[in-house]
N, C-alpha and C. Protein backbone atom coordinates (compact mmCIF):
# COMPACT_ATOMS: atom_id res chain seq x y z
N MET A 1 0.88 -5.59 8.79
CA MET A 1 0.10 -5.99 10.10
C MET A 1 1.19 -6.48 10.96
N SER A 2 0.94 -6.16 12.23
CA SER A 2 1.75 -6.71 13.31
C SER A 2 1.18 -7.89 14.00
N GLU A 3 2.17 -8.74 14.44
CA GLU A 3 1.35 -10.10 15.04
C GLU A 3 1.93 -10.03 16.50
N LYS A 4 1.29 -9.27 17.41
CA LYS A 4 1.52 -9.36 18.99
C LYS A 4 1.64 -10.42 19.74
N HIS A 5 0.73 -11.37 19.08
CA HIS A 5 0.53 -12.69 19.56
C HIS A 5 0.94 -13.80 18.64
N SER A 6 1.59 -14.88 19.41
CA SER A 6 2.11 -16.04 18.37
C SER A 6 1.15 -16.97 18.62
N TYR A 7 0.79 -17.71 17.49
CA TYR A 7 -0.17 -18.69 17.57
C TYR A 7 0.14 -19.87 16.62
N VAL A 8 -0.47 -21.15 16.63
CA VAL A 8 -0.17 -22.27 15.90
C VAL A 8 -1.02 -22.37 14.89
N LEU A 9 -2.47 -21.85 15.06
CA LEU A 9 -3.49 -22.11 14.17
C LEU A 9 -4.30 -21.15 13.96
N GLU A 10 -4.67 -20.83 12.79
CA GLU A 10 -5.73 -19.70 12.63
C GLU A 10 -7.00 -20.19 12.03
N VAL A 11 -8.15 -19.84 12.56
CA VAL A 11 -9.36 -20.05 11.90
C VAL A 11 -10.18 -18.64 11.53
N ASP A 12 -10.68 -18.60 10.04
CA ASP A 12 -11.24 -17.54 9.82
C ASP A 12 -12.65 -17.89 9.89
N ALA A 13 -13.64 -17.17 10.69
CA ALA A 13 -14.84 -17.60 10.91
C ALA A 13 -15.63 -16.11 10.38
N SER A 14 -14.97 -15.29 9.62
CA SER A 14 -15.86 -14.10 9.10
C SER A 14 -16.96 -14.62 8.55
N GLY A 15 -17.98 -13.86 8.71
CA GLY A 15 -19.26 -13.97 7.93
C GLY A 15 -20.26 -15.02 8.62
N LEU A 16 -19.88 -15.57 9.51
CA LEU A 16 -20.45 -16.61 10.43
C LEU A 16 -21.20 -15.82 11.62
N VAL A 17 -22.16 -16.40 11.98
CA VAL A 17 -22.95 -15.72 13.47
C VAL A 17 -22.98 -16.89 14.18
N CYS A 18 -23.01 -16.63 15.77
CA CYS A 18 -22.86 -17.44 16.51
C CYS A 18 -24.16 -18.43 16.58
N PRO A 19 -23.93 -19.85 16.89
CA PRO A 19 -22.76 -20.28 17.35
C PRO A 19 -21.77 -20.84 16.55
N LEU A 20 -21.53 -20.59 15.18
CA LEU A 20 -20.68 -21.28 14.38
C LEU A 20 -19.15 -20.86 14.79
N PRO A 21 -18.84 -19.45 14.95
CA PRO A 21 -17.65 -19.28 15.26
C PRO A 21 -16.94 -19.88 16.56
N ILE A 22 -17.78 -20.13 17.56
CA ILE A 22 -17.57 -20.74 18.69
C ILE A 22 -17.38 -22.39 18.28
N LEU A 23 -18.24 -23.07 17.53
CA LEU A 23 -18.01 -24.40 17.29
C LEU A 23 -16.86 -24.73 16.45
N LYS A 24 -16.51 -23.73 15.66
CA LYS A 24 -15.24 -23.85 14.89
C LYS A 24 -14.15 -23.78 15.80
N ALA A 25 -14.10 -22.75 16.66
CA ALA A 25 -12.82 -22.72 17.56
C ALA A 25 -12.68 -23.83 18.58
N LYS A 26 -13.82 -24.42 18.87
CA LYS A 26 -13.93 -25.53 19.73
C LYS A 26 -13.09 -26.68 19.08
N LYS A 27 -13.45 -26.92 17.77
CA LYS A 27 -13.17 -28.08 16.83
C LYS A 27 -11.83 -27.72 16.68
N ALA A 28 -11.08 -26.52 16.23
CA ALA A 28 -9.77 -26.16 16.11
C ALA A 28 -9.03 -26.56 17.46
N LEU A 29 -9.36 -25.89 18.74
CA LEU A 29 -8.64 -26.17 19.90
C LEU A 29 -8.37 -27.68 20.19
N SER A 30 -9.25 -28.67 19.62
CA SER A 30 -9.04 -30.09 20.02
C SER A 30 -7.89 -30.73 19.20
N THR A 31 -7.42 -29.75 18.13
CA THR A 31 -6.22 -30.26 17.24
C THR A 31 -4.96 -29.64 17.60
N ILE A 32 -5.00 -28.93 18.66
CA ILE A 32 -3.69 -28.47 19.08
C ILE A 32 -3.24 -28.65 20.57
N GLU A 33 -2.22 -28.59 20.88
CA GLU A 33 -1.75 -29.13 22.26
C GLU A 33 -1.73 -28.10 23.40
N SER A 34 -1.83 -28.72 24.47
CA SER A 34 -2.08 -27.68 25.75
C SER A 34 -1.14 -26.72 25.74
N GLY A 35 -1.39 -25.37 25.96
CA GLY A 35 -0.69 -24.24 26.16
C GLY A 35 -0.47 -23.47 24.69
N GLN A 36 -1.00 -24.16 23.59
CA GLN A 36 -0.81 -23.41 22.48
C GLN A 36 -1.78 -22.54 22.00
N VAL A 37 -1.51 -21.51 21.06
CA VAL A 37 -2.60 -20.60 20.97
C VAL A 37 -3.39 -20.59 19.75
N LEU A 38 -4.55 -20.41 19.63
CA LEU A 38 -5.57 -20.32 18.66
C LEU A 38 -5.91 -18.94 18.12
N LYS A 39 -5.83 -18.53 16.90
CA LYS A 39 -6.34 -17.19 16.64
C LYS A 39 -7.75 -17.41 15.66
N VAL A 40 -8.57 -16.68 16.37
CA VAL A 40 -9.99 -16.59 15.64
C VAL A 40 -10.37 -15.52 14.92
N ILE A 41 -10.77 -15.30 13.66
CA ILE A 41 -11.40 -14.05 13.14
C ILE A 41 -12.88 -14.10 13.04
N THR A 42 -13.46 -13.07 13.62
CA THR A 42 -14.95 -12.91 13.44
C THR A 42 -15.33 -11.75 13.03
N THR A 43 -16.57 -11.63 12.37
CA THR A 43 -17.17 -10.48 12.12
C THR A 43 -18.41 -10.39 12.98
N ASP A 44 -19.05 -11.16 13.42
CA ASP A 44 -20.09 -11.25 14.41
C ASP A 44 -19.98 -10.18 15.52
N LYS A 45 -20.78 -9.15 15.65
CA LYS A 45 -20.58 -8.04 16.71
C LYS A 45 -20.83 -8.73 18.02
N ASN A 46 -21.61 -9.95 18.07
CA ASN A 46 -21.50 -10.63 19.52
C ASN A 46 -20.51 -11.45 20.02
N ALA A 47 -19.60 -11.79 19.03
CA ALA A 47 -18.33 -12.79 19.26
C ALA A 47 -17.72 -12.10 20.45
N ILE A 48 -17.47 -11.00 20.64
CA ILE A 48 -16.48 -10.54 21.88
C ILE A 48 -17.21 -11.12 23.06
N LYS A 49 -18.26 -10.95 23.29
CA LYS A 49 -19.12 -11.45 24.60
C LYS A 49 -19.19 -12.94 24.48
N ASP A 50 -19.27 -13.58 23.40
CA ASP A 50 -19.54 -15.17 23.13
C ASP A 50 -18.13 -15.63 23.58
N PHE A 51 -17.00 -15.10 22.96
CA PHE A 51 -15.66 -15.57 23.36
C PHE A 51 -15.29 -15.57 24.90
N GLN A 52 -15.71 -14.53 25.31
CA GLN A 52 -15.44 -14.16 27.01
C GLN A 52 -16.06 -15.42 27.55
N ALA A 53 -17.38 -15.69 27.22
CA ALA A 53 -18.36 -16.70 27.79
C ALA A 53 -17.73 -18.25 27.66
N PHE A 54 -17.29 -18.39 26.44
CA PHE A 54 -16.75 -19.53 26.05
C PHE A 54 -15.43 -19.75 26.79
N SER A 55 -14.63 -18.97 26.96
CA SER A 55 -13.63 -18.99 27.70
C SER A 55 -13.57 -19.28 29.20
N ALA A 56 -14.62 -18.44 29.75
CA ALA A 56 -14.82 -18.77 31.17
C ALA A 56 -15.37 -20.16 31.34
N GLN A 57 -16.29 -20.62 30.45
CA GLN A 57 -16.93 -21.92 30.57
C GLN A 57 -16.02 -23.02 30.43
N THR A 58 -15.04 -23.03 29.47
CA THR A 58 -14.21 -24.03 29.05
C THR A 58 -13.00 -24.02 29.89
N LYS A 59 -12.52 -22.99 30.21
CA LYS A 59 -11.27 -22.73 31.04
C LYS A 59 -9.92 -22.66 29.88
N ASN A 60 -10.37 -22.28 28.52
CA ASN A 60 -9.29 -21.84 27.66
C ASN A 60 -9.18 -20.44 28.05
N GLU A 61 -7.85 -20.24 28.26
CA GLU A 61 -7.39 -18.81 28.51
C GLU A 61 -7.63 -17.93 27.16
N LEU A 62 -8.45 -16.91 27.32
CA LEU A 62 -8.74 -15.75 26.39
C LEU A 62 -7.48 -14.78 26.43
N VAL A 63 -6.47 -14.97 25.68
CA VAL A 63 -5.30 -14.22 25.78
C VAL A 63 -5.39 -12.74 25.55
N ALA A 64 -6.26 -12.42 24.24
CA ALA A 64 -6.43 -11.32 23.82
C ALA A 64 -7.50 -11.22 22.96
N GLN A 65 -8.31 -10.02 22.99
CA GLN A 65 -9.14 -9.63 21.73
C GLN A 65 -9.05 -8.38 21.16
N GLU A 66 -8.81 -8.33 19.87
CA GLU A 66 -8.68 -7.13 19.17
C GLU A 66 -9.58 -6.77 18.09
N VAL A 67 -10.08 -5.42 18.19
CA VAL A 67 -11.05 -4.91 17.03
C VAL A 67 -10.32 -4.53 16.12
N LEU A 68 -10.37 -4.88 14.77
CA LEU A 68 -9.59 -4.48 13.59
C LEU A 68 -10.77 -4.14 12.35
N GLY A 69 -11.38 -2.76 12.47
CA GLY A 69 -12.23 -2.54 11.59
C GLY A 69 -13.71 -3.53 11.95
N ALA A 70 -13.85 -4.07 10.99
CA ALA A 70 -15.22 -4.72 11.01
C ALA A 70 -14.99 -6.28 11.88
N SER A 71 -13.83 -6.51 11.96
CA SER A 71 -13.20 -7.96 12.43
C SER A 71 -12.86 -7.83 13.70
N THR A 72 -12.99 -8.83 14.50
CA THR A 72 -12.58 -8.98 15.97
C THR A 72 -11.53 -10.21 15.82
N VAL A 73 -10.29 -10.19 16.38
CA VAL A 73 -9.39 -11.27 16.58
C VAL A 73 -9.53 -11.66 17.86
N HIS A 74 -9.56 -12.95 18.36
CA HIS A 74 -9.56 -13.48 19.42
C HIS A 74 -8.38 -14.70 19.48
N TYR A 75 -7.68 -14.65 20.59
CA TYR A 75 -6.45 -15.60 20.81
C TYR A 75 -6.88 -16.34 21.96
N LEU A 76 -7.05 -17.71 21.68
CA LEU A 76 -7.32 -18.51 22.81
C LEU A 76 -6.20 -19.41 23.05
N LYS A 77 -5.64 -19.54 24.36
CA LYS A 77 -4.77 -20.65 24.91
C LYS A 77 -5.31 -21.93 25.33
N ARG A 78 -5.12 -22.95 24.66
CA ARG A 78 -5.74 -24.40 25.02
C ARG A 78 -5.28 -24.50 26.39
N ARG A 79 -6.27 -25.02 27.33
CA ARG A 79 -5.85 -25.44 28.74
C ARG A 79 -5.20 -26.75 28.72
């Protein structure tokens, strides 16, 4: 598995449906410093749009989203 994006914290929200992945990401973002990146793994098919909306609303940059089989990996940079 290649790591194209460096991150300081990973949250595995696999098996959870909205809004739980967003809530877990929001809580995790509060524990890291500005400019650091959070990796979130989800299996909810709506998570791609949910994280795009969350990023726009909170101004935390959505660095990337990668679909890996049944999972989607989101990289959020704390503002």
